[in-house]
């Protein structure tokens, strides 16, 4: 089992959810996130004053999958989250971590059955 964490642009969330549903990955957690990477923030103006925005708004997806779903899941996310054919700085990152165990609280099932 693997635990996949993807940080993507908020505008790409619906495309990523649709791509995941095509490969039958429906269980995911989505949360708002802020971060700084190569984009290094930007400047915004509000009522005539300029402000440096150091953190960019992102969306964080967390997905637990069996080993046979790892590659299709990361390919679906990567293809749907990329902006344009070449991609751009700020498209995001995907982290793949080993998942030692999982338990469904309601039934106490463990491992792959609980995902």
Protein backbone atom coordinates (compact mmCIF):
# COMPACT_ATOMS: atom_id res chain seq x y z
CA UNK A 1 0.00 0.00 0.00
CA UNK A 2 1.10 3.57 -0.66
CA UNK A 3 0.04 6.97 0.62
CA UNK A 4 0.02 9.56 -2.16
CA UNK A 5 0.11 13.28 -1.37
CA UNK A 6 -0.34 15.66 -4.29
CA UNK A 7 -0.04 19.44 -4.12
CA UNK A 8 -1.76 21.02 -7.13
CA UNK A 9 -3.20 24.31 -8.32
CA UNK A 10 -6.78 24.88 -7.17
CA UNK A 11 -7.93 25.46 -10.75
CA UNK A 12 -6.88 21.91 -11.69
CA UNK A 13 -8.82 20.14 -8.90
CA UNK A 14 -11.89 19.22 -10.97
CA UNK A 15 -9.74 17.88 -13.81
CA UNK A 16 -7.74 15.75 -11.37
CA UNK A 17 -10.89 14.41 -9.69
CA UNK A 18 -12.31 13.47 -13.09
CA UNK A 19 -9.07 11.76 -14.13
CA UNK A 20 -9.03 9.78 -10.88
CA UNK A 21 -12.64 8.70 -11.34
CA UNK A 22 -11.74 7.31 -14.80
CA UNK A 23 -9.26 4.94 -13.17
CA UNK A 24 -11.78 4.15 -10.41
CA UNK A 25 -9.97 5.96 -7.58
CA UNK A 26 -12.80 7.63 -5.67
CA UNK A 27 -11.53 7.83 -2.10
CA UNK A 28 -9.46 10.93 -1.44
CA UNK A 29 -9.12 13.75 1.04
CA UNK A 30 -8.87 17.33 -0.23
CA UNK A 31 -7.70 20.29 1.84
CA UNK A 32 -6.63 23.85 1.19
CA UNK A 33 -2.93 24.53 1.53
CA UNK A 34 -0.50 27.39 1.13
CA UNK A 35 3.11 27.10 0.21
CA UNK A 36 6.16 28.55 -1.42
CA UNK A 37 8.29 26.87 -4.02
CA UNK A 38 9.87 28.03 -7.24
CA UNK A 39 7.07 30.55 -7.75
CA UNK A 40 8.42 32.53 -4.79
CA UNK A 41 5.17 34.43 -4.24
CA UNK A 42 3.89 37.50 -6.02
CA UNK A 43 2.80 41.10 -5.39
CA UNK A 44 -0.83 42.15 -5.12
CA UNK A 45 -2.38 45.58 -4.81
CA UNK A 46 -5.26 46.41 -2.44
CA UNK A 47 -6.64 49.94 -2.16
CA UNK A 48 -3.48 51.45 -3.57
CA UNK A 49 -1.07 49.53 -1.35
CA UNK A 50 1.16 46.76 -2.64
CA UNK A 51 1.53 43.59 -0.61
CA UNK A 52 4.04 40.79 -1.05
CA UNK A 53 2.27 37.44 -1.00
CA UNK A 54 4.88 34.86 -0.01
CA UNK A 55 2.61 31.83 0.07
CA UNK A 56 0.62 30.66 -2.93
CA UNK A 57 -2.79 29.00 -2.50
CA UNK A 58 -2.72 25.30 -3.41
CA UNK A 59 -4.85 22.21 -2.91
CA UNK A 60 -3.55 19.13 -1.12
CA UNK A 61 -4.87 15.69 -2.10
CA UNK A 62 -4.26 12.65 0.09
CA UNK A 63 -4.96 9.21 -1.35
CA UNK A 64 -4.29 5.73 0.03
CA UNK A 65 -4.03 3.06 -2.69
CA UNK A 66 -3.04 -0.58 -3.15
CA UNK A 67 0.24 -1.14 -4.95
CA UNK A 68 -1.40 -1.92 -8.33
CA UNK A 69 -3.08 1.53 -8.33
CA UNK A 70 0.07 3.58 -7.60
CA UNK A 71 1.29 4.17 -11.16
CA UNK A 72 -2.17 4.78 -12.70
CA UNK A 73 -2.96 7.21 -9.85
CA UNK A 74 0.20 9.28 -10.17
CA UNK A 75 -0.09 9.33 -13.98
CA UNK A 76 -3.71 10.51 -13.77
CA UNK A 77 -2.78 13.26 -11.32
CA UNK A 78 0.29 14.35 -13.29
CA UNK A 79 -1.56 14.50 -16.61
CA UNK A 80 -4.60 16.34 -15.23
CA UNK A 81 -2.68 18.78 -13.01
CA UNK A 82 -0.22 19.90 -15.69
CA UNK A 83 -1.01 23.28 -17.25
CA UNK A 84 -0.37 23.11 -20.97
CA UNK A 85 1.58 20.49 -22.90
CA UNK A 86 4.94 21.38 -21.33
CA UNK A 87 3.70 22.31 -17.85
CA UNK A 88 4.65 25.40 -15.88
CA UNK A 89 6.35 26.26 -12.62
CA UNK A 90 3.76 25.90 -9.87
CA UNK A 91 1.91 22.91 -11.32
CA UNK A 92 2.64 21.00 -8.13
CA UNK A 93 4.31 17.91 -6.73
CA UNK A 94 3.37 14.31 -5.98
CA UNK A 95 4.82 12.49 -2.97
CA UNK A 96 4.59 8.69 -2.71
CA UNK A 97 5.08 7.24 0.76
CA UNK A 98 4.92 3.67 2.05
CA UNK A 99 1.75 2.96 3.99
CA UNK A 100 2.36 0.47 6.75
CA UNK A 101 -1.23 -0.19 7.78
CA UNK A 102 -4.72 1.26 7.77
CA UNK A 103 -7.84 0.44 9.78
CA UNK A 104 -11.47 1.24 9.01
CA UNK A 105 -12.91 2.34 12.34
CA UNK A 106 -16.48 1.15 11.71
CA UNK A 107 -15.66 -2.48 10.85
CA UNK A 108 -12.12 -2.76 12.22
CA UNK A 109 -10.96 -4.08 8.81
CA UNK A 110 -7.25 -3.64 8.25
CA UNK A 111 -4.88 -3.40 5.32
CA UNK A 112 -6.08 -3.39 1.71
CA UNK A 113 -9.67 -4.19 2.73
CA UNK A 114 -9.83 -0.96 4.73
CA UNK A 115 -8.82 1.23 1.79
